Amino acid sequence: MDTNKAEGVAKEAVGKVENAVGGLLGDTQTQISGKARELTGSAQQLYADAATALRDAAVRSPITTVAVAALTGFVVGALWRGGPDRD
């Protein structure tokens, strides 16, 4: 398991515990903090999964990856420049 994924799992677990403790104590601030930590952990796991999928796709099909990167660079460059109607 990659480091980002492991950290995300840990944050999510700590957030769930913190949320539960806040609920038991009636502490809304602790519940909110726990829910925020839980969501941050979930987002970090999704990022790690997406990065892994992208890395795997690049290994399976390097030519396609280079083509997509070139096209992305072209589009970003065109947008940065101001589009096709700019003088």
PDB file of N, CA and C in Angstrom:
ATOM      1  N   MET A   1       0.848  -1.174   0.000  1.00  0.00           N
ATOM      2  CA  MET A   1       0.000   0.000   0.000  1.00  0.00           C
ATOM      3  C   MET A   1       0.889   1.231   0.000  1.00  0.00           C
ATOM      4  N   ASP A   2       0.516   2.180  -0.797  1.00  0.00           N
ATOM      5  CA  ASP A   2       1.296   3.408  -0.927  1.00  0.00           C
ATOM      6  C   ASP A   2       1.100   4.306   0.305  1.00  0.00           C
ATOM      7  N   THR A   3       2.076   5.176   0.559  1.00  0.00           N
ATOM      8  CA  THR A   3       2.085   6.004   1.763  1.00  0.00           C
ATOM      9  C   THR A   3       0.860   6.902   1.844  1.00  0.00           C
ATOM     10  N   ASN A   4       0.483   7.546   0.735  1.00  0.00           N
ATOM     11  CA  ASN A   4      -0.693   8.415   0.732  1.00  0.00           C
ATOM     12  C   ASN A   4      -1.949   7.641   1.116  1.00  0.00           C
ATOM     13  N   LYS A   5      -2.081   6.451   0.572  1.00  0.00           N
ATOM     14  CA  LYS A   5      -3.255   5.621   0.866  1.00  0.00           C
ATOM     15  C   LYS A   5      -3.271   5.249   2.345  1.00  0.00           C
ATOM     16  N   ALA A   6      -2.136   4.837   2.882  1.00  0.00           N
ATOM     17  CA  ALA A   6      -2.053   4.452   4.298  1.00  0.00           C
ATOM     18  C   ALA A   6      -2.371   5.635   5.208  1.00  0.00           C
ATOM     19  N   GLU A   7      -1.840   6.805   4.883  1.00  0.00           N
ATOM     20  CA  GLU A   7      -2.130   7.999   5.679  1.00  0.00           C
ATOM     21  C   GLU A   7      -3.617   8.337   5.617  1.00  0.00           C
ATOM     22  N   GLY A   8      -4.206   8.191   4.437  1.00  0.00           N
ATOM     23  CA  GLY A   8      -5.632   8.456   4.277  1.00  0.00           C
ATOM     24  C   GLY A   8      -6.490   7.520   5.100  1.00  0.00           C
ATOM     25  N   VAL A   9      -6.124   6.248   5.113  1.00  0.00           N
ATOM     26  CA  VAL A   9      -6.861   5.263   5.911  1.00  0.00           C
ATOM     27  C   VAL A   9      -6.765   5.624   7.389  1.00  0.00           C
ATOM     28  N   ALA A  10      -5.574   5.998   7.840  1.00  0.00           N
ATOM     29  CA  ALA A  10      -5.370   6.356   9.245  1.00  0.00           C
ATOM     30  C   ALA A  10      -6.170   7.599   9.617  1.00  0.00           C
ATOM     31  N   LYS A  11      -6.122   8.633   8.759  1.00  0.00           N
ATOM     32  CA  LYS A  11      -6.878   9.856   9.036  1.00  0.00           C
ATOM     33  C   LYS A  11      -8.381   9.579   9.099  1.00  0.00           C
ATOM     34  N   GLU A  12      -8.841   8.756   8.181  1.00  0.00           N
ATOM     35  CA  GLU A  12     -10.264   8.441   8.166  1.00  0.00           C
ATOM     36  C   GLU A  12     -10.670   7.718   9.452  1.00  0.00           C
ATOM     37  N   ALA A  13      -9.860   6.767   9.896  1.00  0.00           N
ATOM     38  CA  ALA A  13     -10.158   6.020  11.128  1.00  0.00           C
ATOM     39  C   ALA A  13     -10.148   6.938  12.346  1.00  0.00           C
ATOM     40  N   VAL A  14      -9.138   7.796  12.445  1.00  0.00           N
ATOM     41  CA  VAL A  14      -9.061   8.731  13.573  1.00  0.00           C
ATOM     42  C   VAL A  14     -10.252   9.681  13.540  1.00  0.00           C
ATOM     43  N   GLY A  15     -10.632  10.125  12.355  1.00  0.00           N
ATOM     44  CA  GLY A  15     -11.783  11.011  12.228  1.00  0.00           C
ATOM     45  C   GLY A  15     -13.074  10.351  12.678  1.00  0.00           C
ATOM     46  N   LYS A  16     -13.251   9.075  12.334  1.00  0.00           N
ATOM     47  CA  LYS A  16     -14.454   8.349  12.765  1.00  0.00           C
ATOM     48  C   LYS A  16     -14.500   8.240  14.285  1.00  0.00           C
ATOM     49  N   VAL A  17     -13.356   7.941  14.893  1.00  0.00           N
ATOM     50  CA  VAL A  17     -13.301   7.837  16.359  1.00  0.00           C
ATOM     51  C   VAL A  17     -13.595   9.193  16.991  1.00  0.00           C
ATOM     52  N   GLU A  18     -12.970  10.236  16.463  1.00  0.00           N
ATOM     53  CA  GLU A  18     -13.170  11.580  16.999  1.00  0.00           C
ATOM     54  C   GLU A  18     -14.637  12.001  16.870  1.00  0.00           C
ATOM     55  N   ASN A  19     -15.249  11.696  15.744  1.00  0.00           N
ATOM     56  CA  ASN A  19     -16.658  12.000  15.524  1.00  0.00           C
ATOM     57  C   ASN A  19     -17.528  11.268  16.537  1.00  0.00           C
ATOM     58  N   ALA A  20     -17.240   9.990  16.768  1.00  0.00           N
ATOM     59  CA  ALA A  20     -18.009   9.193  17.723  1.00  0.00           C
ATOM     60  C   ALA A  20     -17.847   9.714  19.145  1.00  0.00           C
ATOM     61  N   VAL A  21     -16.623  10.064  19.536  1.00  0.00           N
ATOM     62  CA  VAL A  21     -16.370  10.599  20.873  1.00  0.00           C
ATOM     63  C   VAL A  21     -17.126  11.918  21.053  1.00  0.00           C
ATOM     64  N   GLY A  22     -17.086  12.760  20.036  1.00  0.00           N
ATOM     65  CA  GLY A  22     -17.831  14.021  20.102  1.00  0.00           C
ATOM     66  C   GLY A  22     -19.320  13.790  20.265  1.00  0.00           C
ATOM     67  N   GLY A  23     -19.834  12.769  19.583  1.00  0.00           N
ATOM     68  CA  GLY A  23     -21.248  12.436  19.714  1.00  0.00           C
ATOM     69  C   GLY A  23     -21.591  11.950  21.113  1.00  0.00           C
ATOM     70  N   LEU A  24     -20.729  11.118  21.686  1.00  0.00           N
ATOM     71  CA  LEU A  24     -20.974  10.607  23.039  1.00  0.00           C
ATOM     72  C   LEU A  24     -20.923  11.714  24.087  1.00  0.00           C
ATOM     73  N   LEU A  25     -19.992  12.652  23.891  1.00  0.00           N
ATOM     74  CA  LEU A  25     -19.830  13.737  24.859  1.00  0.00           C
ATOM     75  C   LEU A  25     -20.758  14.918  24.579  1.00  0.00           C
ATOM     76  N   GLY A  26     -21.415  14.899  23.434  1.00  0.00           N
ATOM     77  CA  GLY A  26     -22.271  16.026  23.063  1.00  0.00           C
ATOM     78  C   GLY A  26     -21.473  17.249  22.647  1.00  0.00           C
ATOM     79  N   ASP A  27     -20.251  17.037  22.206  1.00  0.00           N
ATOM     80  CA  ASP A  27     -19.359  18.126  21.797  1.00  0.00           C
ATOM     81  C   ASP A  27     -19.419  18.273  20.275  1.00  0.00           C
ATOM     82  N   THR A  28     -20.182  19.256  19.828  1.00  0.00           N
ATOM     83  CA  THR A  28     -20.372  19.473  18.395  1.00  0.00           C
ATOM     84  C   THR A  28     -19.064  19.806  17.686  1.00  0.00           C
ATOM     85  N   GLN A  29     -18.220  20.609  18.335  1.00  0.00           N
ATOM     86  CA  GLN A  29     -16.941  21.003  17.722  1.00  0.00           C
ATOM     87  C   GLN A  29     -16.062  19.783  17.461  1.00  0.00           C
ATOM     88  N   THR A  30     -16.023  18.846  18.395  1.00  0.00           N
ATOM     89  CA  THR A  30     -15.236  17.627  18.217  1.00  0.00           C
ATOM     90  C   THR A  30     -15.824  16.771  17.098  1.00  0.00           C
ATOM     91  N   GLN A  31     -17.155  16.717  17.021  1.00  0.00           N
ATOM     92  CA  GLN A  31     -17.796  15.962  15.945  1.00  0.00           C
ATOM     93  C   GLN A  31     -17.448  16.555  14.589  1.00  0.00           C
ATOM     94  N   ILE A  32     -17.512  17.879  14.485  1.00  0.00           N
ATOM     95  CA  ILE A  32     -17.200  18.548  13.211  1.00  0.00           C
ATOM     96  C   ILE A  32     -15.750  18.308  12.828  1.00  0.00           C
ATOM     97  N   SER A  33     -14.854  18.425  13.811  1.00  0.00           N
ATOM     98  CA  SER A  33     -13.437  18.181  13.554  1.00  0.00           C
ATOM     99  C   SER A  33     -13.206  16.739  13.098  1.00  0.00           C
ATOM    100  N   GLY A  34     -13.887  15.803  13.735  1.00  0.00           N
ATOM    101  CA  GLY A  34     -13.757  14.396  13.356  1.00  0.00           C
ATOM    102  C   GLY A  34     -14.268  14.134  11.962  1.00  0.00           C
ATOM    103  N   LYS A  35     -15.413  14.734  11.624  1.00  0.00           N
ATOM    104  CA  LYS A  35     -15.978  14.537  10.287  1.00  0.00           C
ATOM    105  C   LYS A  35     -15.048  15.139   9.224  1.00  0.00           C
ATOM    106  N   ALA A  36     -14.477  16.318   9.531  1.00  0.00           N
ATOM    107  CA  ALA A  36     -13.548  16.948   8.587  1.00  0.00           C
ATOM    108  C   ALA A  36     -12.317  16.067   8.373  1.00  0.00           C
ATOM    109  N   ARG A  37     -11.786  15.505   9.448  1.00  0.00           N
ATOM    110  CA  ARG A  37     -10.609  14.632   9.345  1.00  0.00           C
ATOM    111  C   ARG A  37     -10.960  13.368   8.558  1.00  0.00           C
ATOM    112  N   GLU A  38     -12.154  12.843   8.801  1.00  0.00           N
ATOM    113  CA  GLU A  38     -12.609  11.649   8.083  1.00  0.00           C
ATOM    114  C   GLU A  38     -12.709  11.920   6.587  1.00  0.00           C
ATOM    115  N   LEU A  39     -13.294  13.065   6.222  1.00  0.00           N
ATOM    116  CA  LEU A  39     -13.419  13.414   4.806  1.00  0.00           C
ATOM    117  C   LEU A  39     -12.059  13.673   4.167  1.00  0.00           C
ATOM    118  N   THR A  40     -11.149  14.287   4.915  1.00  0.00           N
ATOM    119  CA  THR A  40      -9.790  14.510   4.406  1.00  0.00           C
ATOM    120  C   THR A  40      -9.101  13.178   4.126  1.00  0.00           C
ATOM    121  N   GLY A  41      -9.272  12.231   5.022  1.00  0.00           N
ATOM    122  CA  GLY A  41      -8.694  10.903   4.818  1.00  0.00           C
ATOM    123  C   GLY A  41      -9.272  10.209   3.602  1.00  0.00           C
ATOM    124  N   SER A  42     -10.582  10.327   3.415  1.00  0.00           N
ATOM    125  CA  SER A  42     -11.229   9.726   2.240  1.00  0.00           C
ATOM    126  C   SER A  42     -10.712  10.355   0.951  1.00  0.00           C
ATOM    127  N   ALA A  43     -10.576  11.687   0.955  1.00  0.00           N
ATOM    128  CA  ALA A  43     -10.065  12.386  -0.226  1.00  0.00           C
ATOM    129  C   ALA A  43      -8.625  11.966  -0.524  1.00  0.00           C
ATOM    130  N   GLN A  44      -7.831  11.804   0.513  1.00  0.00           N
ATOM    131  CA  GLN A  44      -6.437  11.386   0.321  1.00  0.00           C
ATOM    132  C   GLN A  44      -6.375   9.976  -0.265  1.00  0.00           C
ATOM    133  N   GLN A  45      -7.273   9.106   0.150  1.00  0.00           N
ATOM    134  CA  GLN A  45      -7.324   7.754  -0.408  1.00  0.00           C
ATOM    135  C   GLN A  45      -7.725   7.790  -1.882  1.00  0.00           C
ATOM    136  N   LEU A  46      -8.704   8.626  -2.213  1.00  0.00           N
ATOM    137  CA  LEU A  46      -9.123   8.755  -3.615  1.00  0.00           C
ATOM    138  C   LEU A  46      -7.976   9.275  -4.481  1.00  0.00           C
ATOM    139  N   TYR A  47      -7.226  10.257  -3.953  1.00  0.00           N
ATOM    140  CA  TYR A  47      -6.072  10.784  -4.679  1.00  0.00           C
ATOM    141  C   TYR A  47      -5.040   9.680  -4.923  1.00  0.00           C
ATOM    142  N   ALA A  48      -4.769   8.891  -3.890  1.00  0.00           N
ATOM    143  CA  ALA A  48      -3.789   7.808  -4.018  1.00  0.00           C
ATOM    144  C   ALA A  48      -4.259   6.775  -5.041  1.00  0.00           C
ATOM    145  N   ASP A  49      -5.549   6.452  -5.023  1.00  0.00           N
ATOM    146  CA  ASP A  49      -6.086   5.496  -5.993  1.00  0.00           C
ATOM    147  C   ASP A  49      -5.979   6.038  -7.419  1.00  0.00           C
ATOM    148  N   ALA A  50      -6.301   7.335  -7.592  1.00  0.00           N
ATOM    149  CA  ALA A  50      -6.222   7.946  -8.924  1.00  0.00           C
ATOM    150  C   ALA A  50      -4.774   7.986  -9.421  1.00  0.00           C
ATOM    151  N   ALA A  51      -3.842   8.319  -8.537  1.00  0.00           N
ATOM    152  CA  ALA A  51      -2.425   8.358  -8.918  1.00  0.00           C
ATOM    153  C   ALA A  51      -1.932   6.977  -9.315  1.00  0.00           C
ATOM    154  N   THR A  52      -2.362   5.959  -8.589  1.00  0.00           N
ATOM    155  CA  THR A  52      -1.971   4.586  -8.911  1.00  0.00           C
ATOM    156  C   THR A  52      -2.544   4.168 -10.260  1.00  0.00           C
ATOM    157  N   ALA A  53      -3.805   4.498 -10.496  1.00  0.00           N
ATOM    158  CA  ALA A  53      -4.435   4.150 -11.779  1.00  0.00           C
ATOM    159  C   ALA A  53      -3.741   4.865 -12.936  1.00  0.00           C
ATOM    160  N   LEU A  54      -3.400   6.128 -12.740  1.00  0.00           N
ATOM    161  CA  LEU A  54      -2.705   6.883 -13.786  1.00  0.00           C
ATOM    162  C   LEU A  54      -1.320   6.299 -14.054  1.00  0.00           C
ATOM    163  N   ARG A  55      -0.612   5.954 -12.993  1.00  0.00           N
ATOM    164  CA  ARG A  55       0.717   5.351 -13.139  1.00  0.00           C
ATOM    165  C   ARG A  55       0.629   4.018 -13.883  1.00  0.00           C
ATOM    166  N   ASP A  56      -0.359   3.203 -13.529  1.00  0.00           N
ATOM    167  CA  ASP A  56      -0.538   1.914 -14.198  1.00  0.00           C
ATOM    168  C   ASP A  56      -0.882   2.093 -15.679  1.00  0.00           C
ATOM    169  N   ALA A  57      -1.737   3.070 -15.977  1.00  0.00           N
ATOM    170  CA  ALA A  57      -2.103   3.335 -17.370  1.00  0.00           C
ATOM    171  C   ALA A  57      -0.887   3.807 -18.167  1.00  0.00           C
ATOM    172  N   ALA A  58      -0.042   4.617 -17.544  1.00  0.00           N
ATOM    173  CA  ALA A  58       1.157   5.107 -18.227  1.00  0.00           C
ATOM    174  C   ALA A  58       2.127   3.961 -18.522  1.00  0.00           C
ATOM    175  N   VAL A  59       2.204   3.005 -17.628  1.00  0.00           N
ATOM    176  CA  VAL A  59       3.097   1.862 -17.843  1.00  0.00           C
ATOM    177  C   VAL A  59       2.549   0.953 -18.946  1.00  0.00           C
ATOM    178  N   ARG A  60       1.227   0.741 -18.959  1.00  0.00           N
ATOM    179  CA  ARG A  60       0.614  -0.126 -19.969  1.00  0.00           C
ATOM    180  C   ARG A  60       0.643   0.489 -21.361  1.00  0.00           C
ATOM    181  N   SER A  61       0.524   1.810 -21.439  1.00  0.00           N
ATOM    182  CA  SER A  61       0.397   2.460 -22.741  1.00  0.00           C
ATOM    183  C   SER A  61       1.167   3.782 -22.756  1.00  0.00           C
ATOM    184  N   PRO A  62       2.491   3.718 -22.858  1.00  0.00           N
ATOM    185  CA  PRO A  62       3.289   4.945 -22.787  1.00  0.00           C
ATOM    186  C   PRO A  62       3.068   5.893 -23.964  1.00  0.00           C
ATOM    187  N   ILE A  63       2.810   5.365 -25.163  1.00  0.00           N
ATOM    188  CA  ILE A  63       2.596   6.227 -26.328  1.00  0.00           C
ATOM    189  C   ILE A  63       1.333   7.064 -26.131  1.00  0.00           C
ATOM    190  N   THR A  64       0.265   6.436 -25.666  1.00  0.00           N
ATOM    191  CA  THR A  64      -0.983   7.151 -25.408  1.00  0.00           C
ATOM    192  C   THR A  64      -0.776   8.200 -24.326  1.00  0.00           C
ATOM    193  N   THR A  65      -0.011   7.863 -23.312  1.00  0.00           N
ATOM    194  CA  THR A  65       0.256   8.805 -22.224  1.00  0.00           C
ATOM    195  C   THR A  65       0.986  10.035 -22.747  1.00  0.00           C
ATOM    196  N   VAL A  66       1.979   9.836 -23.599  1.00  0.00           N
ATOM    197  CA  VAL A  66       2.716  10.964 -24.175  1.00  0.00           C
ATOM    198  C   VAL A  66       1.793  11.806 -25.049  1.00  0.00           C
ATOM    199  N   ALA A  67       0.922  11.159 -25.812  1.00  0.00           N
ATOM    200  CA  ALA A  67      -0.016  11.892 -26.669  1.00  0.00           C
ATOM    201  C   ALA A  67      -0.981  12.729 -25.837  1.00  0.00           C
ATOM    202  N   VAL A  68      -1.497  12.159 -24.781  1.00  0.00           N
ATOM    203  CA  VAL A  68      -2.424  12.901 -23.913  1.00  0.00           C
ATOM    204  C   VAL A  68      -1.697  14.064 -23.243  1.00  0.00           C
ATOM    205  N   ALA A  69      -0.471  13.855 -22.801  1.00  0.00           N
ATOM    206  CA  ALA A  69       0.305  14.931 -22.180  1.00  0.00           C
ATOM    207  C   ALA A  69       0.575  16.051 -23.176  1.00  0.00           C
ATOM    208  N   ALA A  70       0.903  15.688 -24.413  1.00  0.00           N
ATOM    209  CA  ALA A  70       1.161  16.702 -25.445  1.00  0.00           C
ATOM    210  C   ALA A  70      -0.108  17.500 -25.750  1.00  0.00           C
ATOM    211  N   LEU A  71      -1.226  16.809 -25.878  1.00  0.00           N
ATOM    212  CA  LEU A  71      -2.492  17.488 -26.154  1.00  0.00           C
ATOM    213  C   LEU A  71      -2.870  18.406 -24.996  1.00  0.00           C
ATOM    214  N   THR A  72      -2.676  17.930 -23.780  1.00  0.00           N
ATOM    215  CA  THR A  72      -2.968  18.752 -22.605  1.00  0.00           C
ATOM    216  C   THR A  72      -2.089  19.994 -22.598  1.00  0.00           C
ATOM    217  N   GLY A  73      -0.818  19.832 -22.905  1.00  0.00           N
ATOM    218  CA  GLY A  73       0.093  20.976 -22.975  1.00  0.00           C
ATOM    219  C   GLY A  73      -0.326  21.964 -24.037  1.00  0.00           C
ATOM    220  N   PHE A  74      -0.773  21.458 -25.183  1.00  0.00           N
ATOM    221  CA  PHE A  74      -1.228  22.334 -26.262  1.00  0.00           C
ATOM    222  C   PHE A  74      -2.443  23.132 -25.826  1.00  0.00           C
ATOM    223  N   VAL A  75      -3.418  22.468 -25.215  1.00  0.00           N
ATOM    224  CA  VAL A  75      -4.646  23.142 -24.779  1.00  0.00           C
ATOM    225  C   VAL A  75      -4.343  24.178 -23.705  1.00  0.00           C
ATOM    226  N   VAL A  76      -3.525  23.806 -22.726  1.00  0.00           N
ATOM    227  CA  VAL A  76      -3.168  24.757 -21.670  1.00  0.00           C
ATOM    228  C   VAL A  76      -2.419  25.945 -22.264  1.00  0.00           C
ATOM    229  N   GLY A  77      -1.521  25.687 -23.198  1.00  0.00           N
ATOM    230  CA  GLY A  77      -0.797  26.775 -23.852  1.00  0.00           C
ATOM    231  C   GLY A  77      -1.716  27.703 -24.620  1.00  0.00           C
ATOM    232  N   ALA A  78      -2.697  27.132 -25.321  1.00  0.00           N
ATOM    233  CA  ALA A  78      -3.658  27.949 -26.068  1.00  0.00           C
ATOM    234  C   ALA A  78      -4.504  28.786 -25.116  1.00  0.00           C
ATOM    235  N   LEU A  79      -4.927  28.196 -24.018  1.00  0.00           N
ATOM    236  CA  LEU A  79      -5.723  28.948 -23.044  1.00  0.00           C
ATOM    237  C   LEU A  79      -4.887  30.033 -22.374  1.00  0.00           C
ATOM    238  N   TRP A  80      -3.647  29.710 -22.074  1.00  0.00           N
ATOM    239  CA  TRP A  80      -2.752  30.662 -21.443  1.00  0.00           C
ATOM    240  C   TRP A  80      -2.511  31.856 -22.353  1.00  0.00           C
ATOM    241  N   ARG A  81      -2.368  31.559 -23.640  1.00  0.00           N
ATOM    242  CA  ARG A  81      -2.116  32.590 -24.631  1.00  0.00           C
ATOM    243  C   ARG A  81      -3.338  33.471 -24.836  1.00  0.00           C
ATOM    244  N   GLY A  82      -4.514  32.943 -24.564  1.00  0.00           N
ATOM    245  CA  GLY A  82      -5.722  33.756 -24.699  1.00  0.00           C
ATOM    246  C   GLY A  82      -6.666  33.218 -25.744  1.00  0.00           C
ATOM    247  N   GLY A  83      -6.425  32.066 -26.276  1.00  0.00           N
ATOM    248  CA  GLY A  83      -7.326  31.471 -27.249  1.00  0.00           C
ATOM    249  C   GLY A  83      -6.968  31.829 -28.669  1.00  0.00           C
ATOM    250  N   PRO A  84      -7.714  31.299 -29.640  1.00  0.00           N
ATOM    251  CA  PRO A  84      -7.367  31.469 -31.049  1.00  0.00           C
ATOM    252  C   PRO A  84      -7.618  32.883 -31.586  1.00  0.00           C
ATOM    253  N   ASP A  85      -8.462  33.687 -30.940  1.00  0.00           N
ATOM    254  CA  ASP A  85      -8.789  35.010 -31.490  1.00  0.00           C
ATOM    255  C   ASP A  85      -7.911  36.130 -30.940  1.00  0.00           C
ATOM    256  N   ARG A  86      -6.911  35.817 -30.178  1.00  0.00           N
ATOM    257  CA  ARG A  86      -6.032  36.822 -29.616  1.00  0.00           C
ATOM    258  C   ARG A  86      -4.976  37.235 -30.653  1.00  0.00           C
ATOM    259  N   ASP A  87      -4.689  38.510 -30.704  1.00  0.00           N
ATOM    260  CA  ASP A  87      -3.683  39.022 -31.674  1.00  0.00           C
ATOM    261  C   ASP A  87      -2.281  38.833 -31.192  1.00  0.00           C
TER     262      ASP A  87
END
